[in-house]
Amino acid sequence: MHGLIRETYQFPASAKVLARHIYSRMYCGKAVIVTDNPKTLISSLRKHWLKLARKVQVERARTLRGERIKELTAITAKMQTMDFSTKWSQYNFEADVYVATVEQLLRWPPDCRTLYVAGKIELEQLHLITAWMPNNSLVVMYE
């Protein structure tokens, strides 16, 4: 994991926590979440993502400053067009956030700027998965 930024948190990754972190990095590029059960996580992640988008819309409706309204409109548009997927393929990288298993990522390493590790993973597997990530990418570990 040479050249990567690593954050470690001592609490389990919930969909709410992941949605908030993805929100803070949504302009940084694609993100991949490593988990044991992608189907379960993606459904709750989408739910929390839509709740977060609704909060941004409510904030936009409450503000009176024109410049802030413009900012929040752009953020809302970006949030509504972000695509979440569990279909990890060698040829199709159109989604903004992928949720995959360790085995899927070992077959086709991710080319992303943010990797969230929300499941159990061996250190050797982590090194193999992060080998293709660009320098200064972020790896977020939840323990």
Protein backbone atom coordinates (compact mmCIF):
# COMPACT_ATOMS: atom_id res chain seq x y z
CA MET A 1 0.00 0.00 0.00
CA HIS A 2 2.85 2.31 -0.85
CA GLY A 3 1.77 5.84 -1.82
CA LEU A 4 -1.76 5.47 -0.45
CA ILE A 5 -3.45 7.35 2.37
CA ARG A 6 -4.92 5.05 5.02
CA GLU A 7 -7.61 5.85 7.57
CA THR A 8 -8.61 3.33 10.23
CA TYR A 9 -11.74 3.53 12.32
CA GLN A 10 -12.41 1.38 15.38
CA PHE A 11 -16.13 0.97 14.76
CA PRO A 12 -18.02 -1.19 12.27
CA ALA A 13 -19.01 0.29 8.93
CA SER A 14 -22.70 1.05 8.74
CA ALA A 15 -24.46 2.21 5.60
CA LYS A 16 -25.08 5.58 7.23
CA VAL A 17 -21.39 6.12 7.99
CA LEU A 18 -20.40 4.99 4.49
CA ALA A 19 -22.96 7.30 2.85
CA ARG A 20 -21.63 10.30 4.77
CA HIS A 21 -18.04 9.49 3.89
CA ILE A 22 -18.91 8.97 0.21
CA TYR A 23 -20.70 12.34 0.30
CA SER A 24 -17.50 14.01 1.48
CA ARG A 25 -15.50 12.39 -1.36
CA MET A 26 -18.02 12.28 -4.21
CA TYR A 27 -15.99 14.70 -6.34
CA CYS A 28 -12.74 12.74 -5.90
CA GLY A 29 -13.59 9.94 -8.32
CA LYS A 30 -14.90 6.40 -8.16
CA ALA A 31 -15.23 4.52 -4.88
CA VAL A 32 -15.27 0.80 -4.12
CA ILE A 33 -16.62 -0.84 -0.99
CA VAL A 34 -15.29 -4.29 -0.03
CA THR A 35 -17.81 -6.30 1.96
CA ASP A 36 -18.88 -9.87 2.58
CA ASN A 37 -22.47 -9.32 1.41
CA PRO A 38 -22.75 -6.64 -1.32
CA LYS A 39 -26.49 -7.05 -2.00
CA THR A 40 -27.46 -6.33 1.60
CA LEU A 41 -25.12 -3.37 1.96
CA ILE A 42 -26.05 -1.67 -1.30
CA SER A 43 -29.76 -1.57 -0.52
CA SER A 44 -29.25 0.14 2.84
CA LEU A 45 -26.51 2.35 1.38
CA ARG A 46 -28.88 3.63 -1.32
CA LYS A 47 -31.54 4.31 1.32
CA HIS A 48 -29.14 6.39 3.42
CA TRP A 49 -27.81 8.11 0.30
CA LEU A 50 -31.32 9.23 -0.66
CA LYS A 51 -31.94 10.46 2.91
CA LEU A 52 -28.74 12.49 2.72
CA ALA A 53 -29.77 13.91 -0.67
CA ARG A 54 -33.10 14.91 0.82
CA LYS A 55 -31.32 16.76 3.66
CA VAL A 56 -29.34 18.73 1.08
CA GLN A 57 -32.58 19.57 -0.74
CA VAL A 58 -34.18 20.76 2.50
CA GLU A 59 -31.15 22.92 3.26
CA ARG A 60 -31.39 24.38 -0.25
CA ALA A 61 -35.06 25.21 0.29
CA ARG A 62 -34.32 26.96 3.59
CA THR A 63 -31.45 29.14 2.47
CA LEU A 64 -31.89 32.62 1.05
CA ARG A 65 -28.36 33.25 -0.22
CA GLY A 66 -28.20 32.92 -3.99
CA GLU A 67 -24.64 31.61 -4.10
CA ARG A 68 -25.36 28.90 -1.53
CA ILE A 69 -28.51 27.90 -3.44
CA LYS A 70 -26.37 27.48 -6.56
CA GLU A 71 -23.85 25.31 -4.66
CA LEU A 72 -26.56 23.12 -3.14
CA THR A 73 -28.29 22.74 -6.51
CA ALA A 74 -25.04 21.42 -8.02
CA ILE A 75 -24.52 19.05 -5.06
CA THR A 76 -28.09 17.75 -5.34
CA ALA A 77 -27.70 17.18 -9.08
CA LYS A 78 -24.46 15.25 -8.52
CA MET A 79 -26.00 13.15 -5.74
CA GLN A 80 -29.04 12.26 -7.86
CA THR A 81 -26.92 11.17 -10.82
CA MET A 82 -24.47 9.02 -8.86
CA ASP A 83 -24.80 5.34 -9.71
CA PHE A 84 -24.31 2.50 -7.20
CA SER A 85 -23.68 -1.03 -8.47
CA THR A 86 -22.79 -4.53 -7.35
CA LYS A 87 -22.05 -5.67 -10.91
CA TRP A 88 -18.28 -5.71 -10.98
CA SER A 89 -16.97 -6.36 -14.46
CA GLN A 90 -13.67 -6.06 -16.25
CA TYR A 91 -15.23 -4.04 -19.07
CA ASN A 92 -17.97 -1.94 -17.46
CA PHE A 93 -16.82 0.77 -15.05
CA GLU A 94 -19.69 3.21 -15.40
CA ALA A 95 -20.93 3.32 -11.79
CA ASP A 96 -19.58 5.85 -9.32
CA VAL A 97 -19.69 3.50 -6.32
CA TYR A 98 -19.16 -0.25 -6.54
CA VAL A 99 -19.89 -2.72 -3.76
CA ALA A 100 -17.99 -5.97 -4.24
CA THR A 101 -16.54 -8.98 -2.47
CA VAL A 102 -12.86 -9.63 -1.94
CA GLU A 103 -12.96 -12.43 -4.54
CA GLN A 104 -14.39 -10.12 -7.20
CA LEU A 105 -11.73 -7.50 -6.55
CA LEU A 106 -8.92 -10.04 -6.63
CA ARG A 107 -9.99 -11.02 -10.17
CA TRP A 108 -10.19 -7.39 -11.40
CA PRO A 109 -8.43 -4.89 -9.13
CA PRO A 110 -10.24 -1.55 -8.80
CA ASP A 111 -9.08 1.65 -10.44
CA CYS A 112 -10.63 3.99 -7.90
CA ARG A 113 -9.64 6.91 -5.71
CA THR A 114 -11.36 5.62 -2.54
CA LEU A 115 -11.53 2.06 -1.22
CA TYR A 116 -13.69 1.25 1.81
CA VAL A 117 -12.94 -2.02 3.60
CA ALA A 118 -16.15 -2.94 5.42
CA GLY A 119 -15.56 -6.68 5.68
CA LYS A 120 -12.90 -9.15 6.73
CA ILE A 121 -9.85 -9.11 4.53
CA GLU A 122 -6.35 -10.57 4.80
CA LEU A 123 -3.44 -8.14 4.63
CA GLU A 124 -2.05 -9.90 1.54
CA GLN A 125 -5.42 -9.57 -0.21
CA LEU A 126 -5.55 -5.89 0.66
CA HIS A 127 -2.11 -5.34 -0.85
CA LEU A 128 -3.15 -7.13 -4.05
CA ILE A 129 -6.37 -5.14 -4.34
CA THR A 130 -4.72 -1.76 -3.73
CA ALA A 131 -1.80 -2.43 -6.09
CA TRP A 132 -3.55 -0.77 -9.05
CA MET A 133 -4.86 2.27 -7.18
CA PRO A 134 -3.31 5.63 -8.11
CA ASN A 135 -0.91 7.36 -5.71
CA ASN A 136 -2.52 9.41 -2.93
CA SER A 137 -5.75 7.41 -3.11
CA LEU A 138 -7.60 6.80 0.14
CA VAL A 139 -8.08 3.41 1.81
CA VAL A 140 -10.61 3.51 4.66
CA MET A 141 -10.54 0.54 7.05
CA TYR A 142 -13.40 -0.22 9.43
CA GLU A 143 -12.61 -2.67 12.24
